[in-house]
Protein backbone atom coordinates (compact mmCIF):
# COMPACT_ATOMS: atom_id res chain seq x y z
CA MET A 1 83.34 155.21 86.15
CA ASN A 2 82.45 151.54 86.40
CA ASP A 3 78.71 152.33 86.57
CA ARG A 4 77.65 152.16 82.94
CA SER A 5 74.13 153.49 83.48
CA LEU A 6 75.47 156.49 85.38
CA MET A 7 78.08 157.20 82.71
CA GLU A 8 75.46 157.03 79.97
CA ALA A 9 73.17 159.37 81.90
CA ILE A 10 75.95 161.93 82.43
CA LEU A 11 77.04 161.83 78.80
CA LYS A 12 73.46 162.33 77.62
CA GLU A 13 72.44 164.97 80.16
CA HIS A 14 75.45 167.19 79.51
CA GLU A 15 75.68 166.41 75.80
CA ILE A 16 79.38 165.66 76.19
CA GLU A 17 81.28 165.44 72.93
CA ILE A 18 84.88 165.08 74.16
CA VAL A 19 85.85 162.71 76.97
CA ILE A 20 89.34 162.86 78.50
CA SER A 21 90.03 160.14 81.05
CA ALA A 22 92.50 160.59 83.90
CA ALA A 23 91.95 157.17 85.48
CA GLY A 24 94.77 156.14 87.79
CA GLY A 25 96.72 152.91 87.68
CA ALA A 26 94.29 150.93 89.84
CA ASP A 27 91.31 152.11 87.79
CA ILE A 28 92.57 151.61 84.23
CA LEU A 29 90.19 148.75 83.49
CA ASP A 30 87.21 150.77 84.74
CA GLN A 31 87.54 152.60 81.44
CA LEU A 32 86.14 149.52 79.71
CA THR A 33 82.74 150.38 81.17
CA LEU A 34 83.19 153.99 80.08
CA VAL A 35 83.99 152.83 76.55
CA GLU A 36 80.79 150.77 76.48
CA ALA A 37 78.82 153.79 77.68
CA ILE A 38 80.35 156.00 74.99
CA LYS A 39 79.49 153.40 72.38
CA SER A 40 75.90 153.16 73.62
CA VAL A 41 75.31 156.92 73.69
CA GLY A 42 76.83 157.41 70.25
CA THR A 43 77.31 161.18 70.48
CA VAL A 44 80.91 161.45 71.72
CA LYS A 45 83.15 162.88 69.01
CA ARG A 46 86.51 162.11 70.65
CA PHE A 47 87.74 159.91 73.49
CA LEU A 48 91.18 160.31 75.03
CA PRO A 49 91.79 157.35 77.35
CA SER A 50 94.17 157.56 80.28
CA GLU A 51 97.57 157.19 78.60
CA PHE A 52 99.83 160.22 79.18
CA GLY A 53 103.12 158.35 79.06
CA HIS A 54 104.64 155.89 76.62
CA ASP A 55 103.17 154.28 73.55
CA VAL A 56 101.92 151.15 75.31
CA ASP A 57 101.73 149.19 72.06
CA ARG A 58 105.47 149.69 71.54
CA ALA A 59 106.95 149.77 75.04
CA GLU A 60 107.52 146.43 76.75
CA PRO A 61 108.63 147.00 80.36
CA VAL A 62 109.31 144.18 82.77
CA GLU A 63 106.74 143.36 85.43
CA PRO A 64 105.04 144.81 87.35
CA GLY A 65 104.87 147.71 84.87
CA LEU A 66 103.94 145.40 82.01
CA THR A 67 100.63 144.52 83.66
CA MET A 68 99.59 148.18 83.61
CA TYR A 69 100.49 148.43 79.93
CA LYS A 70 98.52 145.28 79.12
CA GLU A 71 95.50 146.85 80.79
CA LYS A 72 95.91 150.03 78.75
CA ARG A 73 96.23 147.93 75.59
CA LYS A 74 92.97 146.20 76.46
CA VAL A 75 91.25 149.60 76.65
CA ARG A 76 92.76 150.58 73.29
CA ARG A 77 91.57 147.42 71.60
CA LEU A 78 88.00 147.87 72.85
CA ILE A 79 87.97 151.47 71.61
CA GLU A 80 89.13 150.32 68.19
CA GLU A 81 86.77 147.33 68.14
CA HIS A 82 83.83 149.69 68.69
CA ASP A 83 85.18 152.08 66.05
CA LEU A 84 85.09 155.02 68.48
CA PRO A 85 86.90 158.26 67.57
CA TYR A 86 90.03 158.46 69.71
CA THR A 87 93.35 160.17 70.33
CA TYR A 88 96.15 158.51 72.32
CA ILE A 89 98.46 160.95 74.13
CA CYS A 90 102.07 159.66 74.34
CA CYS A 91 103.77 162.48 76.23
CA ASN A 92 106.77 160.53 77.59
CA SER A 93 108.38 161.76 80.86
CA ILE A 94 107.60 164.63 83.22
CA ALA A 95 110.18 167.44 83.22
CA SER A 96 111.72 166.69 86.60
CA TRP A 97 114.39 164.40 88.01
CA PRO A 98 113.48 160.77 87.16
CA TYR A 99 113.77 159.03 90.53
CA TYR A 100 113.42 155.30 89.98
CA ASP A 101 111.64 154.56 93.27
CA ASN A 102 109.29 157.50 93.74
CA ARG A 103 105.60 157.57 92.85
CA HIS A 104 105.25 161.31 92.21
CA PRO A 105 108.52 162.53 90.63
CA ALA A 106 106.94 165.78 89.41
CA GLU A 107 106.53 166.86 93.04
CA VAL A 108 110.13 166.15 94.00
CA LEU A 109 113.06 168.48 93.49
CA PRO A 110 116.19 167.16 91.76
CA PRO A 111 118.76 165.69 94.17
CA LEU A 112 120.83 167.77 96.55
CA ASP A 113 123.21 165.07 97.80
CA GLN A 114 124.08 162.74 94.92
CA PHE A 115 122.92 161.71 91.46
CA GLN A 116 121.68 158.24 90.67
CA ILE A 117 122.73 157.53 87.09
CA TYR A 118 121.04 154.63 85.31
CA GLY A 119 123.43 152.42 83.36
CA ASP A 120 125.99 154.50 81.49
CA GLY A 121 123.71 157.53 81.64
CA ASN A 122 123.71 158.01 77.88
CA VAL A 123 120.24 156.79 76.87
CA LYS A 124 118.04 159.75 76.04
CA ALA A 125 114.40 160.51 76.84
CA TYR A 126 111.92 163.35 76.38
CA PHE A 127 110.94 165.49 79.37
CA ILE A 128 107.70 167.48 79.21
CA ALA A 129 106.37 170.04 81.71
CA GLY A 130 103.04 169.09 83.21
CA THR A 131 101.49 172.35 82.05
CA ASP A 132 102.50 171.54 78.48
CA ILE A 133 101.00 168.07 78.70
CA GLY A 134 97.72 169.69 79.63
CA LYS A 135 97.99 172.45 77.04
CA PHE A 136 98.77 170.23 74.08
CA THR A 137 96.27 167.58 75.16
CA MET A 138 93.52 170.18 74.98
CA MET A 139 94.76 171.39 71.60
CA THR A 140 94.73 167.90 70.11
CA ALA A 141 91.37 166.86 71.57
CA ASP A 142 89.34 168.42 68.76
CA ASP A 143 91.98 168.63 66.04
CA ASP A 144 90.96 166.68 62.93
CA ARG A 145 94.64 165.85 62.32
CA THR A 146 94.81 163.78 65.51
CA LEU A 147 91.65 161.74 64.92
CA ASN A 148 92.33 158.03 65.47
CA LYS A 149 96.04 158.66 65.97
CA SER A 150 98.72 158.44 68.64
CA VAL A 151 100.20 161.87 69.38
CA HIS A 152 103.86 161.72 70.42
CA PHE A 153 105.55 164.54 72.35
CA ARG A 154 109.14 164.89 71.10
CA PRO A 155 110.35 168.50 71.42
CA PRO A 156 114.05 168.39 70.38
CA ARG A 157 115.19 170.83 73.08
CA ASN A 158 113.74 168.59 75.79
CA LYS A 159 115.67 165.46 74.82
CA TYR A 160 118.24 164.63 77.53
CA ASN A 161 120.14 161.71 78.97
CA MET A 162 120.90 161.28 82.67
CA ASN A 163 124.42 162.68 82.41
CA GLU A 164 123.11 165.80 80.70
CA LEU A 165 120.36 166.26 83.29
CA ALA A 166 122.92 165.99 86.08
CA ALA A 167 125.22 168.55 84.46
CA LEU A 168 122.30 170.94 83.93
CA TRP A 169 121.21 170.68 87.56
CA GLU A 170 124.77 171.32 88.74
CA THR A 171 124.78 174.61 86.84
CA LYS A 172 121.68 175.62 88.79
CA LEU A 173 123.16 174.57 92.14
CA GLY A 174 126.54 176.13 91.45
CA CYS A 175 128.33 173.03 92.71
CA THR A 176 129.02 169.45 91.68
CA LEU A 177 127.49 166.33 93.19
CA PRO A 178 128.83 162.78 93.27
CA ARG A 179 127.41 160.16 90.92
CA VAL A 180 126.15 156.74 91.97
CA ILE A 181 125.63 154.19 89.22
CA ILE A 182 122.35 152.27 89.31
CA THR A 183 122.95 149.26 87.08
CA GLU A 184 120.45 147.41 84.94
CA ASP A 185 120.53 144.57 87.46
CA ASP A 186 119.77 147.04 90.26
CA LEU A 187 116.66 148.25 88.46
CA LEU A 188 115.54 144.74 87.59
CA SER A 189 115.99 143.67 91.21
CA ALA A 190 113.95 146.65 92.42
CA ALA A 191 111.21 145.76 89.94
CA ALA A 192 111.25 142.09 90.97
CA GLU A 193 110.67 142.99 94.63
CA ASN A 194 107.05 143.79 93.63
CA CYS A 195 106.78 146.65 96.10
CA ILE A 196 104.03 148.92 94.82
CA PRO A 197 104.44 151.61 93.58
CA GLN A 198 108.25 151.60 93.72
CA SER A 199 108.67 148.46 91.64
CA ILE A 200 106.38 149.77 88.91
CA VAL A 201 108.45 152.95 88.66
CA ALA A 202 111.65 150.88 88.62
CA SER A 203 110.34 148.80 85.73
CA PHE A 204 109.48 151.95 83.76
CA THR A 205 112.86 153.49 84.59
CA HIS A 206 114.56 150.39 83.20
CA ASP A 207 112.47 150.60 80.04
CA ILE A 208 113.31 154.29 79.53
CA PHE A 209 116.98 154.57 80.50
CA ILE A 210 118.28 151.09 79.70
CA LYS A 211 116.11 149.94 76.78
CA GLY A 212 115.45 153.40 75.35
CA CYS A 213 111.71 152.92 74.90
CA GLN A 214 111.10 156.60 74.13
CA VAL A 215 113.70 156.92 71.38
CA ASN A 216 114.09 153.48 69.79
CA PHE A 217 111.45 153.99 67.09
CA SER A 218 110.43 156.53 64.48
CA VAL A 219 107.11 158.37 64.48
CA ASP A 220 106.21 157.85 60.84
CA GLY A 221 103.24 155.49 60.76
CA PRO A 222 99.87 156.42 59.23
CA ASN A 223 98.20 156.46 62.65
CA GLU A 224 100.70 158.57 64.56
CA VAL A 225 101.91 162.15 64.56
CA GLU A 226 104.48 164.24 66.45
CA VAL A 227 102.98 167.18 68.31
CA CYS A 228 105.65 169.70 67.24
CA SER A 229 104.75 169.08 63.61
CA LEU A 230 101.15 169.97 64.40
CA TYR A 231 101.88 173.19 66.26
CA PRO A 232 105.34 174.40 65.19
CA GLU A 233 104.78 177.92 66.53
CA GLU A 234 103.58 176.80 69.96
CA PRO A 235 106.45 176.77 72.49
CA PHE A 236 107.30 174.09 75.03
CA ARG A 237 108.75 174.92 78.42
CA THR A 238 112.34 173.73 78.33
CA VAL A 239 113.94 171.47 80.91
CA ASP A 240 116.36 174.32 81.59
CA GLU A 241 113.43 176.56 82.53
CA CYS A 242 111.92 173.87 84.73
CA PHE A 243 115.22 173.32 86.55
CA THR A 244 115.62 177.07 87.05
CA GLU A 245 112.23 177.04 88.74
CA PHE A 246 113.25 174.09 90.92
CA ALA A 247 116.40 175.96 91.96
CA ALA A 248 114.36 179.02 92.90
CA LYS A 249 112.30 176.83 95.25
CA LEU A 250 115.40 175.76 97.13
CA GLY A 251 116.04 179.15 98.69
CA LYS A 252 119.40 179.13 100.45
CA LYS A 253 120.13 175.43 100.39
CA VAL A 254 123.70 175.81 99.16
CA ASN A 255 126.18 177.46 101.53
CA PRO A 256 128.97 179.86 100.47
CA LYS A 257 131.46 176.99 100.23
CA GLY A 258 129.34 175.38 97.51
CA GLU A 259 128.17 172.59 99.79
CA VAL A 260 124.61 171.37 99.87
CA ALA A 261 123.19 172.55 103.18
CA ALA A 262 119.99 170.50 103.35
CA GLN A 263 118.41 167.35 102.10
CA ASN A 264 115.56 167.47 99.63
CA PRO A 265 112.59 168.61 101.77
CA VAL A 266 109.99 167.84 99.15
CA MET A 267 111.14 164.24 98.84
CA GLU A 268 110.97 163.85 102.60
CA SER A 269 107.44 165.23 102.73
CA ILE A 270 105.94 162.63 100.36
CA ALA A 271 107.50 159.44 101.67
CA ILE A 272 105.52 156.42 100.49
CA ALA A 273 104.76 153.32 102.52
CA ALA A 274 105.63 150.28 100.44
CA THR A 275 103.11 147.54 99.77
CA CYS A 276 104.97 144.33 98.95
CA SER A 277 103.82 140.91 97.89
């Protein structure tokens, strides 16, 4: 992506009109070269940079997450400076359990031993199935109503706080689990350790479940739109449905006494080696 000549050649050869970037965290700034290539070619009708999370112009996480957001803002500003047609996808959280120290929460089942509740557990967030993120992204990519706008994903039925998520998961397990409170200071300390990627996730978790970055503003500006208002007849998968699917994956993990019989095998299978500085 950081080879401008190659990007220009590909865009021209294939006559690409819509570009959707999925650049990862370490490659966010490589999109600057892609933006320059799109500007040079002049035939791209819509560019969706790698966002797929929070509105980075509104959210203000602590470091090290803030650095990633500053990089995404830099990409946004170059897009706007070049007057390129864009859509920013602000899809909020993945519909899974929001572990504060795991890099791929969508691949991890909700807890089987205890819940980690952030703060008082009452700050809400929006949880979106990965399939819906893809579906609605494709729908918005060539929709005139999303041109040069931020598209926010806020389905009302998918708005939960940590306490509500825990209660929902308990109904799927058929038993109750103990709660462990993760305080604001705990999250800030985890972020300050600068262990990558855990500290980045901790900084985002703090922003979501302590500061309320997904719910502390209204979507009513001239350059933003809520996706449900665009496609009111198009359903979202609910968190309840996603948790039912997670429970089905467990098999017989809960014994007849209502006790959890095994630890989370998916979490164990994707253990991450920390890189600290």
